[in-house]
N, C-alpha and C. Protein backbone atom coordinates (compact mmCIF):
# COMPACT_ATOMS: atom_id res chain seq x y z
N UNK A 1 20.66 12.35 46.04
CA UNK A 1 19.92 11.39 46.80
C UNK A 1 18.62 11.01 46.10
N UNK A 2 17.85 12.01 45.68
CA UNK A 2 16.61 11.74 44.98
C UNK A 2 16.72 12.21 43.54
N UNK A 3 16.02 11.55 42.64
CA UNK A 3 16.04 11.98 41.24
C UNK A 3 15.10 13.16 41.07
N UNK A 4 15.54 14.04 40.23
CA UNK A 4 14.71 15.20 39.94
C UNK A 4 13.58 14.76 39.00
N UNK A 5 12.36 15.23 39.18
CA UNK A 5 11.23 14.77 38.35
C UNK A 5 11.26 15.29 36.91
N UNK A 6 12.23 16.15 36.59
CA UNK A 6 12.27 16.75 35.26
C UNK A 6 12.40 15.68 34.17
N UNK A 7 13.31 14.73 34.35
CA UNK A 7 13.55 13.72 33.33
C UNK A 7 12.32 12.86 33.10
N UNK A 8 11.71 12.37 34.15
CA UNK A 8 10.52 11.54 33.97
C UNK A 8 9.37 12.33 33.36
N UNK A 9 9.29 13.62 33.69
CA UNK A 9 8.25 14.47 33.10
C UNK A 9 8.49 14.64 31.60
N UNK A 10 9.76 14.84 31.21
CA UNK A 10 10.08 15.00 29.79
C UNK A 10 9.80 13.72 29.02
N UNK A 11 10.12 12.58 29.60
CA UNK A 11 9.86 11.30 28.94
C UNK A 11 8.37 11.08 28.77
N UNK A 12 7.60 11.38 29.81
CA UNK A 12 6.14 11.23 29.73
C UNK A 12 5.56 12.14 28.66
N UNK A 13 6.03 13.38 28.61
CA UNK A 13 5.56 14.33 27.60
C UNK A 13 5.89 13.83 26.20
N UNK A 14 7.10 13.33 26.00
CA UNK A 14 7.52 12.83 24.69
C UNK A 14 6.68 11.63 24.28
N UNK A 15 6.44 10.70 25.21
CA UNK A 15 5.62 9.52 24.89
C UNK A 15 4.19 9.91 24.55
N UNK A 16 3.65 10.89 25.24
CA UNK A 16 2.29 11.36 24.93
C UNK A 16 2.24 11.98 23.54
N UNK A 17 3.28 12.73 23.18
CA UNK A 17 3.33 13.33 21.85
C UNK A 17 3.41 12.25 20.77
N UNK A 18 4.18 11.21 21.01
CA UNK A 18 4.26 10.11 20.05
C UNK A 18 2.91 9.42 19.89
N UNK A 19 2.20 9.20 20.98
CA UNK A 19 0.89 8.56 20.92
C UNK A 19 -0.09 9.43 20.14
N UNK A 20 -0.04 10.74 20.39
CA UNK A 20 -0.93 11.66 19.66
C UNK A 20 -0.61 11.66 18.17
N UNK A 21 0.69 11.68 17.82
CA UNK A 21 1.07 11.64 16.40
C UNK A 21 0.61 10.36 15.73
N UNK A 22 0.77 9.24 16.42
CA UNK A 22 0.36 7.96 15.85
C UNK A 22 -1.16 7.92 15.65
N UNK A 23 -1.91 8.45 16.60
CA UNK A 23 -3.37 8.48 16.47
C UNK A 23 -3.79 9.39 15.31
N UNK A 24 -3.11 10.53 15.16
CA UNK A 24 -3.42 11.44 14.06
C UNK A 24 -3.07 10.79 12.72
N UNK A 25 -1.97 10.07 12.67
CA UNK A 25 -1.58 9.40 11.44
C UNK A 25 -2.59 8.31 11.07
N UNK A 26 -3.03 7.52 12.04
CA UNK A 26 -4.04 6.49 11.77
C UNK A 26 -5.35 7.11 11.30
N UNK A 27 -5.74 8.23 11.92
CA UNK A 27 -6.97 8.91 11.51
C UNK A 27 -6.84 9.41 10.07
N UNK A 28 -5.71 10.04 9.74
CA UNK A 28 -5.49 10.56 8.40
C UNK A 28 -5.52 9.44 7.37
N UNK A 29 -4.84 8.32 7.68
CA UNK A 29 -4.80 7.20 6.74
C UNK A 29 -6.18 6.59 6.54
N UNK A 30 -6.97 6.51 7.61
CA UNK A 30 -8.31 5.93 7.45
C UNK A 30 -9.21 6.86 6.64
N UNK A 31 -9.02 8.18 6.76
CA UNK A 31 -9.83 9.13 5.99
C UNK A 31 -9.41 9.18 4.52
N UNK A 32 -8.16 8.89 4.23
CA UNK A 32 -7.64 8.98 2.86
C UNK A 32 -7.23 7.62 2.31
N UNK A 33 -7.93 6.58 2.70
CA UNK A 33 -7.57 5.22 2.28
C UNK A 33 -7.65 5.05 0.76
N UNK A 34 -8.52 5.80 0.09
CA UNK A 34 -8.66 5.66 -1.35
C UNK A 34 -7.47 6.26 -2.11
N UNK A 35 -6.63 7.05 -1.44
CA UNK A 35 -5.49 7.68 -2.10
C UNK A 35 -4.19 6.91 -1.89
N UNK A 36 -4.21 5.83 -1.13
CA UNK A 36 -3.00 5.08 -0.83
C UNK A 36 -2.65 4.18 -2.01
N UNK A 37 -1.40 4.32 -2.46
CA UNK A 37 -0.91 3.52 -3.57
C UNK A 37 0.19 2.61 -3.03
N UNK A 38 0.09 1.29 -3.22
CA UNK A 38 1.12 0.40 -2.68
C UNK A 38 2.46 0.61 -3.40
N UNK A 39 3.53 0.44 -2.66
CA UNK A 39 4.86 0.56 -3.23
C UNK A 39 5.18 -0.65 -4.08
N UNK A 40 6.12 -0.45 -5.01
CA UNK A 40 6.63 -1.58 -5.78
C UNK A 40 7.43 -2.46 -4.85
N UNK A 41 7.49 -3.71 -5.16
CA UNK A 41 8.24 -4.66 -4.34
C UNK A 41 9.73 -4.39 -4.52
N UNK A 42 10.44 -4.24 -3.43
CA UNK A 42 11.87 -3.97 -3.47
C UNK A 42 12.69 -5.23 -3.60
N UNK A 43 13.99 -5.05 -3.75
CA UNK A 43 14.90 -6.17 -3.95
C UNK A 43 14.92 -7.11 -2.75
N UNK A 44 14.91 -6.55 -1.55
CA UNK A 44 14.97 -7.39 -0.36
C UNK A 44 13.71 -8.25 -0.22
N UNK A 45 12.54 -7.65 -0.47
CA UNK A 45 11.30 -8.41 -0.36
C UNK A 45 11.21 -9.48 -1.45
N UNK A 46 11.69 -9.16 -2.66
CA UNK A 46 11.72 -10.17 -3.73
C UNK A 46 12.61 -11.34 -3.33
N UNK A 47 13.77 -11.03 -2.75
CA UNK A 47 14.69 -12.07 -2.32
C UNK A 47 14.03 -12.95 -1.26
N UNK A 48 13.38 -12.34 -0.28
CA UNK A 48 12.72 -13.11 0.77
C UNK A 48 11.60 -13.99 0.19
N UNK A 49 10.86 -13.42 -0.77
CA UNK A 49 9.77 -14.19 -1.37
C UNK A 49 10.32 -15.40 -2.12
N UNK A 50 11.42 -15.20 -2.85
CA UNK A 50 12.02 -16.31 -3.60
C UNK A 50 12.61 -17.36 -2.67
N UNK A 51 13.22 -16.91 -1.56
CA UNK A 51 13.78 -17.85 -0.61
C UNK A 51 12.69 -18.65 0.10
N UNK A 52 11.54 -18.02 0.32
CA UNK A 52 10.44 -18.72 0.98
C UNK A 52 9.82 -19.75 0.05
N UNK A 53 10.00 -19.57 -1.26
CA UNK A 53 9.54 -20.56 -2.23
C UNK A 53 8.06 -20.52 -2.50
N UNK A 54 7.46 -19.33 -2.40
CA UNK A 54 6.03 -19.24 -2.70
C UNK A 54 5.88 -19.15 -4.22
N UNK A 55 5.70 -20.28 -4.86
CA UNK A 55 5.66 -20.38 -6.32
C UNK A 55 4.48 -19.68 -6.95
N UNK A 56 3.34 -19.72 -6.29
CA UNK A 56 2.13 -19.10 -6.85
C UNK A 56 2.34 -17.60 -7.00
N UNK A 57 2.86 -16.95 -5.96
CA UNK A 57 3.07 -15.51 -6.02
C UNK A 57 4.21 -15.17 -6.97
N UNK A 58 5.23 -16.01 -7.00
CA UNK A 58 6.37 -15.75 -7.87
C UNK A 58 5.96 -15.81 -9.33
N UNK A 59 5.09 -16.76 -9.68
CA UNK A 59 4.66 -16.90 -11.06
C UNK A 59 3.78 -15.73 -11.49
N UNK A 60 2.99 -15.19 -10.59
CA UNK A 60 2.08 -14.11 -10.95
C UNK A 60 2.80 -12.78 -11.07
N UNK A 61 3.95 -12.61 -10.41
CA UNK A 61 4.64 -11.33 -10.46
C UNK A 61 5.88 -11.35 -11.33
N UNK A 62 6.13 -12.44 -12.04
CA UNK A 62 7.30 -12.52 -12.90
C UNK A 62 7.14 -11.57 -14.07
N UNK A 63 8.19 -10.79 -14.31
CA UNK A 63 8.16 -9.83 -15.42
C UNK A 63 9.13 -10.28 -16.49
N UNK A 64 8.82 -9.90 -17.72
CA UNK A 64 9.72 -10.21 -18.82
C UNK A 64 10.33 -8.94 -19.38
N UNK A 65 10.38 -7.88 -18.60
CA UNK A 65 10.94 -6.62 -19.06
C UNK A 65 12.44 -6.61 -18.84
N UNK A 66 13.08 -5.57 -19.33
CA UNK A 66 14.53 -5.44 -19.19
C UNK A 66 14.88 -5.23 -17.72
N UNK A 67 16.06 -5.67 -17.32
CA UNK A 67 16.48 -5.43 -15.94
C UNK A 67 16.59 -3.94 -15.67
N UNK A 68 16.40 -3.55 -14.43
CA UNK A 68 16.39 -2.13 -14.10
C UNK A 68 17.46 -1.81 -13.08
N UNK A 69 17.88 -0.55 -13.11
CA UNK A 69 18.89 -0.09 -12.16
C UNK A 69 18.19 0.43 -10.91
N UNK A 70 18.98 0.95 -9.98
CA UNK A 70 18.44 1.45 -8.72
C UNK A 70 17.47 2.59 -8.96
N UNK A 71 17.75 3.47 -9.91
CA UNK A 71 16.87 4.60 -10.16
C UNK A 71 15.79 4.28 -11.19
N UNK A 72 15.51 3.00 -11.42
CA UNK A 72 14.38 2.52 -12.21
C UNK A 72 14.49 2.83 -13.69
N UNK A 73 15.72 2.84 -14.24
CA UNK A 73 15.88 3.00 -15.68
C UNK A 73 16.21 1.64 -16.30
N UNK A 74 15.68 1.40 -17.47
CA UNK A 74 15.97 0.13 -18.14
C UNK A 74 17.43 0.11 -18.56
N UNK A 75 18.07 -1.06 -18.45
CA UNK A 75 19.49 -1.16 -18.79
C UNK A 75 19.74 -1.97 -20.04
N UNK A 76 18.69 -2.44 -20.72
CA UNK A 76 18.87 -3.35 -21.85
C UNK A 76 19.60 -2.69 -23.01
N UNK A 77 19.32 -1.44 -23.33
CA UNK A 77 19.91 -0.80 -24.49
C UNK A 77 21.16 -0.01 -24.16
N UNK A 78 21.65 -0.09 -22.96
CA UNK A 78 22.80 0.72 -22.55
C UNK A 78 24.09 -0.06 -22.74
N UNK A 79 25.10 0.58 -23.30
CA UNK A 79 26.41 -0.02 -23.45
C UNK A 79 27.37 0.70 -22.51
N UNK A 80 28.36 -0.04 -22.07
CA UNK A 80 29.37 0.58 -21.20
C UNK A 80 30.28 1.45 -22.08
N UNK A 81 30.74 2.53 -21.48
CA UNK A 81 31.66 3.41 -22.19
C UNK A 81 33.01 2.72 -22.31
N UNK A 82 33.66 2.94 -23.43
CA UNK A 82 34.97 2.33 -23.64
C UNK A 82 35.98 2.98 -22.71
N UNK A 83 36.89 2.18 -22.17
CA UNK A 83 37.93 2.71 -21.30
C UNK A 83 38.90 3.51 -22.13
N UNK A 84 39.38 4.63 -21.59
CA UNK A 84 40.32 5.45 -22.37
C UNK A 84 41.66 4.69 -22.56
N UNK A 85 42.24 4.85 -23.76
CA UNK A 85 43.52 4.20 -24.06
C UNK A 85 44.64 4.87 -23.27
N UNK A 86 45.52 4.02 -22.75
CA UNK A 86 46.62 4.61 -21.95
C UNK A 86 47.92 4.45 -22.62
């Protein structure tokens, strides 16, 4: 007939813990702002930037280096292995 207060109490406790974690994370980041290093632009963000057509940003970030694989190794000097003869 009536809901037990346990579930709502657990949800409230969980939400309070999330708020506390977020506040602690913001405090930590503001105290260590000089140590934050921006990530390299990923493939998805590059694709979105190119689709949006922002030429100024595209021209400034264009690289002339060898293409890279997922694990960030240059692929220019790599040859494929020959297939075994059957």
